[in-house]
Amino acid sequence: AFSAHRTPAEVEDFASRAKERGLRVIIAGAGMAAALPG
């Protein structure tokens, strides 16, 4: 669970390291403003 609005630094860290960690696809769910996937 990460929040684009409440934990922006953690989202940035996760996303910027995703490829080097070996992730090949990210599924991101969000409601209302739904900024997280973007």
PDB file of all heavy atoms in Angstrom:
ATOM      1  N   ALA A   1       0.866  -1.182   0.000  1.00  0.00           N
ATOM      2  CA  ALA A   1       0.000   0.000   0.000  1.00  0.00           C
ATOM      3  C   ALA A   1       0.899   1.228   0.000  1.00  0.00           C
ATOM      4  O   ALA A   1       1.769   1.371   0.869  1.00  0.00           O
ATOM      5  CB  ALA A   1      -0.916  -0.006   1.217  1.00  0.00           C
ATOM      6  N   PHE A   2       0.743   2.061  -1.009  1.00  0.00           N
ATOM      7  CA  PHE A   2       1.434   3.347  -1.113  1.00  0.00           C
ATOM      8  C   PHE A   2       0.395   4.372  -1.527  1.00  0.00           C
ATOM      9  O   PHE A   2      -0.516   4.052  -2.281  1.00  0.00           O
ATOM     10  CB  PHE A   2       2.529   3.330  -2.187  1.00  0.00           C
ATOM     11  CG  PHE A   2       3.688   2.426  -1.910  1.00  0.00           C
ATOM     12  CD1 PHE A   2       4.025   1.432  -2.810  1.00  0.00           C
ATOM     13  CD2 PHE A   2       4.470   2.581  -0.770  1.00  0.00           C
ATOM     14  CE1 PHE A   2       5.114   0.602  -2.580  1.00  0.00           C
ATOM     15  CE2 PHE A   2       5.560   1.755  -0.534  1.00  0.00           C
ATOM     16  CZ  PHE A   2       5.886   0.763  -1.446  1.00  0.00           C
ATOM     17  N   SER A   3       0.576   5.582  -1.098  1.00  0.00           N
ATOM     18  CA  SER A   3      -0.338   6.647  -1.478  1.00  0.00           C
ATOM     19  C   SER A   3       0.421   7.743  -2.201  1.00  0.00           C
ATOM     20  O   SER A   3       1.430   8.245  -1.689  1.00  0.00           O
ATOM     21  CB  SER A   3      -1.018   7.232  -0.234  1.00  0.00           C
ATOM     22  OG  SER A   3      -1.717   8.419  -0.566  1.00  0.00           O
ATOM     23  N   ALA A   4      -0.062   8.107  -3.386  1.00  0.00           N
ATOM     24  CA  ALA A   4       0.568   9.189  -4.143  1.00  0.00           C
ATOM     25  C   ALA A   4       0.510  10.504  -3.373  1.00  0.00           C
ATOM     26  O   ALA A   4       1.377  11.365  -3.545  1.00  0.00           O
ATOM     27  CB  ALA A   4      -0.116   9.349  -5.499  1.00  0.00           C
ATOM     28  N   HIS A   5      -0.470  10.638  -2.490  1.00  0.00           N
ATOM     29  CA  HIS A   5      -0.651  11.891  -1.758  1.00  0.00           C
ATOM     30  C   HIS A   5      -0.102  11.835  -0.333  1.00  0.00           C
ATOM     31  O   HIS A   5       0.412  12.836   0.177  1.00  0.00           O
ATOM     32  CB  HIS A   5      -2.138  12.270  -1.715  1.00  0.00           C
ATOM     33  CG  HIS A   5      -2.724  12.434  -3.078  1.00  0.00           C
ATOM     34  ND1 HIS A   5      -3.603  11.520  -3.614  1.00  0.00           N
ATOM     35  CD2 HIS A   5      -2.524  13.372  -4.027  1.00  0.00           C
ATOM     36  CE1 HIS A   5      -3.934  11.911  -4.836  1.00  0.00           C
ATOM     37  NE2 HIS A   5      -3.290  13.025  -5.106  1.00  0.00           N
ATOM     38  N   ARG A   6      -0.193  10.685   0.323  1.00  0.00           N
ATOM     39  CA  ARG A   6       0.239  10.593   1.721  1.00  0.00           C
ATOM     40  C   ARG A   6       1.666  10.063   1.885  1.00  0.00           C
ATOM     41  O   ARG A   6       2.304  10.317   2.897  1.00  0.00           O
ATOM     42  CB  ARG A   6      -0.750   9.731   2.511  1.00  0.00           C
ATOM     43  CG  ARG A   6      -2.125  10.381   2.616  1.00  0.00           C
ATOM     44  CD  ARG A   6      -3.095   9.501   3.386  1.00  0.00           C
ATOM     45  NE  ARG A   6      -3.367   8.268   2.672  1.00  0.00           N
ATOM     46  CZ  ARG A   6      -4.504   7.996   2.027  1.00  0.00           C
ATOM     47  NH1 ARG A   6      -5.468   8.891   2.003  1.00  0.00           N
ATOM     48  NH2 ARG A   6      -4.684   6.848   1.411  1.00  0.00           N
ATOM     49  N   THR A   7       2.150   9.293   0.896  1.00  0.00           N
ATOM     50  CA  THR A   7       3.523   8.773   0.967  1.00  0.00           C
ATOM     51  C   THR A   7       4.237   8.987  -0.372  1.00  0.00           C
ATOM     52  O   THR A   7       4.726   8.038  -0.988  1.00  0.00           O
ATOM     53  CB  THR A   7       3.545   7.276   1.350  1.00  0.00           C
ATOM     54  OG1 THR A   7       2.815   6.526   0.360  1.00  0.00           O
ATOM     55  CG2 THR A   7       2.950   7.023   2.726  1.00  0.00           C
ATOM     56  N   PRO A   8       4.295  10.211  -0.855  1.00  0.00           N
ATOM     57  CA  PRO A   8       4.878  10.443  -2.181  1.00  0.00           C
ATOM     58  C   PRO A   8       6.336  10.024  -2.307  1.00  0.00           C
ATOM     59  O   PRO A   8       6.753   9.529  -3.362  1.00  0.00           O
ATOM     60  CB  PRO A   8       4.695  11.943  -2.409  1.00  0.00           C
ATOM     61  CG  PRO A   8       4.528  12.527  -1.056  1.00  0.00           C
ATOM     62  CD  PRO A   8       3.872  11.458  -0.223  1.00  0.00           C
ATOM     63  N   ALA A   9       7.137  10.198  -1.261  1.00  0.00           N
ATOM     64  CA  ALA A   9       8.549   9.804  -1.333  1.00  0.00           C
ATOM     65  C   ALA A   9       8.680   8.291  -1.488  1.00  0.00           C
ATOM     66  O   ALA A   9       9.527   7.802  -2.259  1.00  0.00           O
ATOM     67  CB  ALA A   9       9.298  10.284  -0.091  1.00  0.00           C
ATOM     68  N   GLU A  10       7.843   7.538  -0.790  1.00  0.00           N
ATOM     69  CA  GLU A  10       7.884   6.079  -0.886  1.00  0.00           C
ATOM     70  C   GLU A  10       7.441   5.609  -2.278  1.00  0.00           C
ATOM     71  O   GLU A  10       7.994   4.657  -2.821  1.00  0.00           O
ATOM     72  CB  GLU A  10       7.008   5.445   0.203  1.00  0.00           C
ATOM     73  CG  GLU A  10       7.584   5.541   1.597  1.00  0.00           C
ATOM     74  CD  GLU A  10       7.324   6.876   2.294  1.00  0.00           C
ATOM     75  OE1 GLU A  10       6.794   7.828   1.658  1.00  0.00           O
ATOM     76  OE2 GLU A  10       7.673   6.972   3.486  1.00  0.00           O
ATOM     77  N   VAL A  11       6.447   6.281  -2.852  1.00  0.00           N
ATOM     78  CA  VAL A  11       5.993   5.945  -4.209  1.00  0.00           C
ATOM     79  C   VAL A  11       7.118   6.198  -5.201  1.00  0.00           C
ATOM     80  O   VAL A  11       7.410   5.354  -6.053  1.00  0.00           O
ATOM     81  CB  VAL A  11       4.720   6.746  -4.598  1.00  0.00           C
ATOM     82  CG1 VAL A  11       4.377   6.540  -6.066  1.00  0.00           C
ATOM     83  CG2 VAL A  11       3.555   6.347  -3.715  1.00  0.00           C
ATOM     84  N   GLU A  12       7.764   7.336  -5.084  1.00  0.00           N
ATOM     85  CA  GLU A  12       8.879   7.677  -5.979  1.00  0.00           C
ATOM     86  C   GLU A  12      10.009   6.657  -5.853  1.00  0.00           C
ATOM     87  O   GLU A  12      10.568   6.195  -6.855  1.00  0.00           O
ATOM     88  CB  GLU A  12       9.387   9.085  -5.662  1.00  0.00           C
ATOM     89  CG  GLU A  12      10.662   9.467  -6.373  1.00  0.00           C
ATOM     90  CD  GLU A  12      10.506   9.636  -7.865  1.00  0.00           C
ATOM     91  OE1 GLU A  12       9.391   9.915  -8.334  1.00  0.00           O
ATOM     92  OE2 GLU A  12      11.521   9.461  -8.572  1.00  0.00           O
ATOM     93  N   ASP A  13      10.349   6.290  -4.624  1.00  0.00           N
ATOM     94  CA  ASP A  13      11.413   5.311  -4.393  1.00  0.00           C
ATOM     95  C   ASP A  13      11.043   3.954  -4.996  1.00  0.00           C
ATOM     96  O   ASP A  13      11.843   3.332  -5.690  1.00  0.00           O
ATOM     97  CB  ASP A  13      11.684   5.170  -2.889  1.00  0.00           C
ATOM     98  CG  ASP A  13      12.795   4.185  -2.606  1.00  0.00           C
ATOM     99  OD1 ASP A  13      13.933   4.426  -3.070  1.00  0.00           O
ATOM    100  OD2 ASP A  13      12.528   3.177  -1.926  1.00  0.00           O
ATOM    101  N   PHE A  14       9.809   3.521  -4.742  1.00  0.00           N
ATOM    102  CA  PHE A  14       9.342   2.252  -5.298  1.00  0.00           C
ATOM    103  C   PHE A  14       9.436   2.261  -6.817  1.00  0.00           C
ATOM    104  O   PHE A  14       9.994   1.348  -7.433  1.00  0.00           O
ATOM    105  CB  PHE A  14       7.894   1.970  -4.865  1.00  0.00           C
ATOM    106  CG  PHE A  14       7.233   0.925  -5.710  1.00  0.00           C
ATOM    107  CD1 PHE A  14       7.490  -0.420  -5.504  1.00  0.00           C
ATOM    108  CD2 PHE A  14       6.376   1.283  -6.750  1.00  0.00           C
ATOM    109  CE1 PHE A  14       6.913  -1.384  -6.312  1.00  0.00           C
ATOM    110  CE2 PHE A  14       5.793   0.331  -7.555  1.00  0.00           C
ATOM    111  CZ  PHE A  14       6.067  -1.013  -7.334  1.00  0.00           C
ATOM    112  N   ALA A  15       8.870   3.287  -7.433  1.00  0.00           N
ATOM    113  CA  ALA A  15       8.805   3.338  -8.896  1.00  0.00           C
ATOM    114  C   ALA A  15      10.195   3.436  -9.522  1.00  0.00           C
ATOM    115  O   ALA A  15      10.483   2.762 -10.513  1.00  0.00           O
ATOM    116  CB  ALA A  15       7.935   4.512  -9.338  1.00  0.00           C
ATOM    117  N   SER A  16      11.048   4.238  -8.953  1.00  0.00           N
ATOM    118  CA  SER A  16      12.377   4.436  -9.550  1.00  0.00           C
ATOM    119  C   SER A  16      13.254   3.192  -9.422  1.00  0.00           C
ATOM    120  O   SER A  16      14.177   3.009 -10.212  1.00  0.00           O
ATOM    121  CB  SER A  16      13.073   5.646  -8.926  1.00  0.00           C
ATOM    122  OG  SER A  16      13.338   5.419  -7.563  1.00  0.00           O
ATOM    123  N   ARG A  17      12.971   2.319  -8.467  1.00  0.00           N
ATOM    124  CA  ARG A  17      13.753   1.093  -8.284  1.00  0.00           C
ATOM    125  C   ARG A  17      13.061  -0.151  -8.844  1.00  0.00           C
ATOM    126  O   ARG A  17      13.613  -1.247  -8.785  1.00  0.00           O
ATOM    127  CB  ARG A  17      14.057   0.891  -6.799  1.00  0.00           C
ATOM    128  CG  ARG A  17      14.974   1.957  -6.220  1.00  0.00           C
ATOM    129  CD  ARG A  17      15.388   1.729  -4.766  1.00  0.00           C
ATOM    130  NE  ARG A  17      14.341   1.254  -3.876  1.00  0.00           N
ATOM    131  CZ  ARG A  17      14.229  -0.007  -3.432  1.00  0.00           C
ATOM    132  NH1 ARG A  17      15.090  -0.921  -3.774  1.00  0.00           N
ATOM    133  NH2 ARG A  17      13.248  -0.332  -2.612  1.00  0.00           N
ATOM    134  N   ALA A  18      11.872  -0.018  -9.394  1.00  0.00           N
ATOM    135  CA  ALA A  18      11.084  -1.178  -9.834  1.00  0.00           C
ATOM    136  C   ALA A  18      11.837  -2.056 -10.835  1.00  0.00           C
ATOM    137  O   ALA A  18      11.900  -3.284 -10.683  1.00  0.00           O
ATOM    138  CB  ALA A  18       9.750  -0.719 -10.424  1.00  0.00           C
ATOM    139  N   LYS A  19      12.402  -1.467 -11.856  1.00  0.00           N
ATOM    140  CA  LYS A  19      13.079  -2.249 -12.897  1.00  0.00           C
ATOM    141  C   LYS A  19      14.310  -2.956 -12.342  1.00  0.00           C
ATOM    142  O   LYS A  19      14.501  -4.149 -12.592  1.00  0.00           O
ATOM    143  CB  LYS A  19      13.438  -1.358 -14.073  1.00  0.00           C
ATOM    144  CG  LYS A  19      13.965  -2.139 -15.258  1.00  0.00           C
ATOM    145  CD  LYS A  19      14.130  -1.265 -16.467  1.00  0.00           C
ATOM    146  CE  LYS A  19      14.529  -2.110 -17.665  1.00  0.00           C
ATOM    147  NZ  LYS A  19      14.603  -1.310 -18.877  1.00  0.00           N
ATOM    148  N   GLU A  20      15.132  -2.249 -11.581  1.00  0.00           N
ATOM    149  CA  GLU A  20      16.348  -2.865 -11.036  1.00  0.00           C
ATOM    150  C   GLU A  20      16.021  -3.977 -10.049  1.00  0.00           C
ATOM    151  O   GLU A  20      16.824  -4.890  -9.852  1.00  0.00           O
ATOM    152  CB  GLU A  20      17.270  -1.821 -10.404  1.00  0.00           C
ATOM    153  CG  GLU A  20      16.792  -1.257  -9.090  1.00  0.00           C
ATOM    154  CD  GLU A  20      17.681  -0.149  -8.542  1.00  0.00           C
ATOM    155  OE1 GLU A  20      18.032   0.763  -9.310  1.00  0.00           O
ATOM    156  OE2 GLU A  20      18.001  -0.196  -7.337  1.00  0.00           O
ATOM    157  N   ARG A  21      14.841  -3.939  -9.444  1.00  0.00           N
ATOM    158  CA  ARG A  21      14.412  -4.997  -8.525  1.00  0.00           C
ATOM    159  C   ARG A  21      13.886  -6.215  -9.274  1.00  0.00           C
ATOM    160  O   ARG A  21      13.568  -7.225  -8.671  1.00  0.00           O
ATOM    161  CB  ARG A  21      13.324  -4.471  -7.582  1.00  0.00           C
ATOM    162  CG  ARG A  21      13.849  -3.467  -6.569  1.00  0.00           C
ATOM    163  CD  ARG A  21      12.779  -3.035  -5.571  1.00  0.00           C
ATOM    164  NE  ARG A  21      12.063  -4.176  -5.039  1.00  0.00           N
ATOM    165  CZ  ARG A  21      10.726  -4.327  -5.099  1.00  0.00           C
ATOM    166  NH1 ARG A  21       9.967  -3.410  -5.652  1.00  0.00           N
ATOM    167  NH2 ARG A  21      10.161  -5.397  -4.587  1.00  0.00           N
ATOM    168  N   GLY A  22      13.742  -6.109 -10.595  1.00  0.00           N
ATOM    169  CA  GLY A  22      13.283  -7.251 -11.392  1.00  0.00           C
ATOM    170  C   GLY A  22      11.793  -7.264 -11.671  1.00  0.00           C
ATOM    171  O   GLY A  22      11.282  -8.233 -12.236  1.00  0.00           O
ATOM    172  N   LEU A  23      11.086  -6.210 -11.306  1.00  0.00           N
ATOM    173  CA  LEU A  23       9.654  -6.153 -11.606  1.00  0.00           C
ATOM    174  C   LEU A  23       9.470  -5.990 -13.106  1.00  0.00           C
ATOM    175  O   LEU A  23      10.176  -5.234 -13.759  1.00  0.00           O
ATOM    176  CB  LEU A  23       8.984  -5.009 -10.852  1.00  0.00           C
ATOM    177  CG  LEU A  23       8.947  -5.165  -9.335  1.00  0.00           C
ATOM    178  CD1 LEU A  23       8.389  -3.916  -8.671  1.00  0.00           C
ATOM    179  CD2 LEU A  23       8.149  -6.393  -8.927  1.00  0.00           C
ATOM    180  N   ARG A  24       8.482  -6.712 -13.651  1.00  0.00           N
ATOM    181  CA  ARG A  24       8.226  -6.639 -15.082  1.00  0.00           C
ATOM    182  C   ARG A  24       6.880  -6.019 -15.402  1.00  0.00           C
ATOM    183  O   ARG A  24       6.647  -5.562 -16.514  1.00  0.00           O
ATOM    184  CB  ARG A  24       8.352  -8.033 -15.690  1.00  0.00           C
ATOM    185  CG  ARG A  24       9.829  -8.487 -15.561  1.00  0.00           C
ATOM    186  CD  ARG A  24      10.147  -9.837 -16.089  1.00  0.00           C
ATOM    187  NE  ARG A  24       9.680 -10.038 -17.443  1.00  0.00           N
ATOM    188  CZ  ARG A  24       9.411 -11.244 -17.942  1.00  0.00           C
ATOM    189  NH1 ARG A  24       9.580 -12.320 -17.210  1.00  0.00           N
ATOM    190  NH2 ARG A  24       8.994 -11.357 -19.177  1.00  0.00           N
ATOM    191  N   VAL A  25       5.953  -6.009 -14.422  1.00  0.00           N
ATOM    192  CA  VAL A  25       4.643  -5.371 -14.575  1.00  0.00           C
ATOM    193  C   VAL A  25       4.209  -4.876 -13.196  1.00  0.00           C
ATOM    194  O   VAL A  25       4.426  -5.559 -12.194  1.00  0.00           O
ATOM    195  CB  VAL A  25       3.569  -6.339 -15.133  1.00  0.00           C
ATOM    196  CG1 VAL A  25       2.242  -5.616 -15.332  1.00  0.00           C
ATOM    197  CG2 VAL A  25       4.003  -7.009 -16.417  1.00  0.00           C
ATOM    198  N   ILE A  26       3.582  -3.707 -13.182  1.00  0.00           N
ATOM    199  CA  ILE A  26       3.031  -3.150 -11.944  1.00  0.00           C
ATOM    200  C   ILE A  26       1.526  -2.974 -12.141  1.00  0.00           C
ATOM    201  O   ILE A  26       1.086  -2.401 -13.142  1.00  0.00           O
ATOM    202  CB  ILE A  26       3.673  -1.789 -11.609  1.00  0.00           C
ATOM    203  CG1 ILE A  26       5.182  -1.961 -11.380  1.00  0.00           C
ATOM    204  CG2 ILE A  26       2.996  -1.151 -10.385  1.00  0.00           C
ATOM    205  CD1 ILE A  26       5.952  -0.661 -11.358  1.00  0.00           C
ATOM    206  N   ILE A  27       0.751  -3.491 -11.196  1.00  0.00           N
ATOM    207  CA  ILE A  27      -0.698  -3.303 -11.182  1.00  0.00           C
ATOM    208  C   ILE A  27      -0.981  -2.332 -10.040  1.00  0.00           C
ATOM    209  O   ILE A  27      -0.664  -2.626  -8.885  1.00  0.00           O
ATOM    210  CB  ILE A  27      -1.434  -4.634 -10.955  1.00  0.00           C
ATOM    211  CG1 ILE A  27      -1.131  -5.624 -12.075  1.00  0.00           C
ATOM    212  CG2 ILE A  27      -2.944  -4.394 -10.819  1.00  0.00           C
ATOM    213  CD1 ILE A  27      -1.627  -7.036 -11.808  1.00  0.00           C
ATOM    214  N   ALA A  28      -1.551  -1.173 -10.367  1.00  0.00           N
ATOM    215  CA  ALA A  28      -1.773  -0.141  -9.356  1.00  0.00           C
ATOM    216  C   ALA A  28      -3.249   0.232  -9.293  1.00  0.00           C
ATOM    217  O   ALA A  28      -3.817   0.702 -10.273  1.00  0.00           O
ATOM    218  CB  ALA A  28      -0.929   1.103  -9.667  1.00  0.00           C
ATOM    219  N   GLY A  29      -3.848   0.009  -8.141  1.00  0.00           N
ATOM    220  CA  GLY A  29      -5.253   0.346  -7.945  1.00  0.00           C
ATOM    221  C   GLY A  29      -5.393   1.621  -7.149  1.00  0.00           C
ATOM    222  O   GLY A  29      -4.630   1.865  -6.213  1.00  0.00           O
ATOM    223  N   ALA A  30      -6.362   2.440  -7.543  1.00  0.00           N
ATOM    224  CA  ALA A  30      -6.595   3.692  -6.824  1.00  0.00           C
ATOM    225  C   ALA A  30      -8.013   4.170  -7.067  1.00  0.00           C
ATOM    226  O   ALA A  30      -8.580   3.952  -8.133  1.00  0.00           O
ATOM    227  CB  ALA A  30      -5.601   4.761  -7.275  1.00  0.00           C
ATOM    228  N   GLY A  31      -8.565   4.840  -6.076  1.00  0.00           N
ATOM    229  CA  GLY A  31      -9.897   5.415  -6.202  1.00  0.00           C
ATOM    230  C   GLY A  31      -9.840   6.931  -6.174  1.00  0.00           C
ATOM    231  O   GLY A  31      -8.772   7.530  -6.044  1.00  0.00           O
ATOM    232  N   MET A  32     -10.979   7.525  -6.324  1.00  0.00           N
ATOM    233  CA  MET A  32     -11.169   8.981  -6.324  1.00  0.00           C
ATOM    234  C   MET A  32     -10.209   9.684  -7.293  1.00  0.00           C
ATOM    235  O   MET A  32     -10.288   9.461  -8.483  1.00  0.00           O
ATOM    236  CB  MET A  32     -11.092   9.536  -4.898  1.00  0.00           C
ATOM    237  CG  MET A  32     -12.212   8.977  -4.028  1.00  0.00           C
ATOM    238  SD  MET A  32     -12.411   9.772  -2.437  1.00  0.00           S
ATOM    239  CE  MET A  32     -10.921   9.355  -1.592  1.00  0.00           C
ATOM    240  N   ALA A  33      -9.265  10.496  -6.806  1.00  0.00           N
ATOM    241  CA  ALA A  33      -8.357  11.228  -7.699  1.00  0.00           C
ATOM    242  C   ALA A  33      -7.471  10.272  -8.488  1.00  0.00           C
ATOM    243  O   ALA A  33      -7.020  10.595  -9.575  1.00  0.00           O
ATOM    244  CB  ALA A  33      -7.492  12.195  -6.908  1.00  0.00           C
ATOM    245  N   ALA A  34      -7.213   9.097  -7.955  1.00  0.00           N
ATOM    246  CA  ALA A  34      -6.537   7.993  -8.638  1.00  0.00           C
ATOM    247  C   ALA A  34      -5.214   8.383  -9.277  1.00  0.00           C
ATOM    248  O   ALA A  34      -4.896   7.991 -10.386  1.00  0.00           O
ATOM    249  CB  ALA A  34      -7.469   7.356  -9.662  1.00  0.00           C
ATOM    250  N   ALA A  35      -4.404   9.135  -8.561  1.00  0.00           N
ATOM    251  CA  ALA A  35      -3.117   9.586  -9.082  1.00  0.00           C
ATOM    252  C   ALA A  35      -2.050   8.497  -9.059  1.00  0.00           C
ATOM    253  O   ALA A  35      -1.084   8.563  -9.817  1.00  0.00           O
ATOM    254  CB  ALA A  35      -2.634  10.791  -8.280  1.00  0.00           C
ATOM    255  N   LEU A  36      -2.209   7.492  -8.212  1.00  0.00           N
ATOM    256  CA  LEU A  36      -1.158   6.505  -7.972  1.00  0.00           C
ATOM    257  C   LEU A  36      -0.606   5.840  -9.233  1.00  0.00           C
ATOM    258  O   LEU A  36       0.605   5.831  -9.439  1.00  0.00           O
ATOM    259  CB  LEU A  36      -1.635   5.467  -6.953  1.00  0.00           C
ATOM    260  CG  LEU A  36      -0.620   4.419  -6.525  1.00  0.00           C
ATOM    261  CD1 LEU A  36       0.590   5.064  -5.851  1.00  0.00           C
ATOM    262  CD2 LEU A  36      -1.282   3.427  -5.568  1.00  0.00           C
ATOM    263  N   PRO A  37      -1.439   5.268 -10.114  1.00  0.00           N
ATOM    264  CA  PRO A  37      -0.867   4.613 -11.301  1.00  0.00           C
ATOM    265  C   PRO A  37      -0.040   5.567 -12.162  1.00  0.00           C
ATOM    266  O   PRO A  37       1.050   5.208 -12.631  1.00  0.00           O
ATOM    267  CB  PRO A  37      -2.097   4.100 -12.059  1.00  0.00           C
ATOM    268  CG  PRO A  37      -3.158   3.961 -11.020  1.00  0.00           C
ATOM    269  CD  PRO A  37      -2.899   5.076 -10.050  1.00  0.00           C
ATOM    270  N   GLY A  38      -0.506   6.771 -12.356  1.00  0.00           N
ATOM    271  CA  GLY A  38       0.210   7.742 -13.180  1.00  0.00           C
ATOM    272  C   GLY A  38       1.500   8.207 -12.544  1.00  0.00           C
ATOM    273  O   GLY A  38       2.514   8.384 -13.228  1.00  0.00           O
TER     274      GLY A  38
END
